[in-house]
Amino acid sequence: MAEVAYFFHWSLCSMDAMPLEELLDWRERAVGIHNRINAPES
């Protein structure tokens, strides 16, 4: 979940309170945003 903490600038304390399913949802969002930002231009 380091990606989530890094991407959203969240502390481990705030993430510790979240259920695993929610963390995985935020990770998926972070990956999607990252991929859109870094997509090659066509």
C-alpha atoms as a PDB file:
ATOM      1  CA  MET A   1       0.000   0.000   0.000  1.00  0.00           C
ATOM      2  CA  ALA A   2       3.035   2.222  -0.258  1.00  0.00           C
ATOM      3  CA  GLU A   3       1.710   3.397  -3.628  1.00  0.00           C
ATOM      4  CA  VAL A   4      -1.455   4.727  -1.979  1.00  0.00           C
ATOM      5  CA  ALA A   5       0.469   6.502   0.777  1.00  0.00           C
ATOM      6  CA  TYR A   6       2.864   8.028  -1.728  1.00  0.00           C
ATOM      7  CA  PHE A   7       0.286   9.026  -4.322  1.00  0.00           C
ATOM      8  CA  PHE A   8      -2.301  10.534  -1.972  1.00  0.00           C
ATOM      9  CA  HIS A   9       0.175  11.691   0.727  1.00  0.00           C
ATOM     10  CA  TRP A  10      -1.631   9.724   3.417  1.00  0.00           C
ATOM     11  CA  SER A  11      -0.060   8.658   6.688  1.00  0.00           C
ATOM     12  CA  LEU A  12       0.064   5.040   7.746  1.00  0.00           C
ATOM     13  CA  CYS A  13      -2.199   5.881  10.679  1.00  0.00           C
ATOM     14  CA  SER A  14      -4.986   7.078   8.388  1.00  0.00           C
ATOM     15  CA  MET A  15      -4.620   4.067   6.124  1.00  0.00           C
ATOM     16  CA  ASP A  16      -4.483   1.628   9.047  1.00  0.00           C
ATOM     17  CA  ALA A  17      -8.070   2.497   9.907  1.00  0.00           C
ATOM     18  CA  MET A  18      -9.311   1.523   6.425  1.00  0.00           C
ATOM     19  CA  PRO A  19     -10.496  -1.980   5.576  1.00  0.00           C
ATOM     20  CA  LEU A  20      -8.414  -3.863   3.036  1.00  0.00           C
ATOM     21  CA  GLU A  21     -11.125  -3.635   0.356  1.00  0.00           C
ATOM     22  CA  GLU A  22     -11.146   0.156   0.630  1.00  0.00           C
ATOM     23  CA  LEU A  23      -7.348   0.318   0.397  1.00  0.00           C
ATOM     24  CA  LEU A  24      -7.434  -1.848  -2.709  1.00  0.00           C
ATOM     25  CA  ASP A  25     -10.063   0.454  -4.220  1.00  0.00           C
ATOM     26  CA  TRP A  26      -7.870   3.502  -3.561  1.00  0.00           C
ATOM     27  CA  ARG A  27      -4.876   1.681  -5.037  1.00  0.00           C
ATOM     28  CA  GLU A  28      -6.847   0.968  -8.204  1.00  0.00           C
ATOM     29  CA  ARG A  29      -7.816   4.641  -8.422  1.00  0.00           C
ATOM     30  CA  ALA A  30      -4.195   5.723  -7.953  1.00  0.00           C
ATOM     31  CA  VAL A  31      -3.010   3.373 -10.700  1.00  0.00           C
ATOM     32  CA  GLY A  32      -5.708   4.652 -13.053  1.00  0.00           C
ATOM     33  CA  ILE A  33      -4.809   8.277 -12.420  1.00  0.00           C
ATOM     34  CA  HIS A  34      -1.102   7.540 -12.796  1.00  0.00           C
ATOM     35  CA  ASN A  35      -1.686   5.719 -16.084  1.00  0.00           C
ATOM     36  CA  ARG A  36      -3.779   8.584 -17.491  1.00  0.00           C
ATOM     37  CA  ILE A  37      -1.194  11.180 -16.496  1.00  0.00           C
ATOM     38  CA  ASN A  38       1.695   9.168 -17.933  1.00  0.00           C
ATOM     39  CA  ALA A  39      -0.013   7.783 -21.027  1.00  0.00           C
ATOM     40  CA  PRO A  40       1.961   8.221 -24.237  1.00  0.00           C
ATOM     41  CA  GLU A  41       0.580  10.924 -26.490  1.00  0.00           C
ATOM     42  CA  SER A  42      -0.972   9.651 -29.664  1.00  0.00           C
END
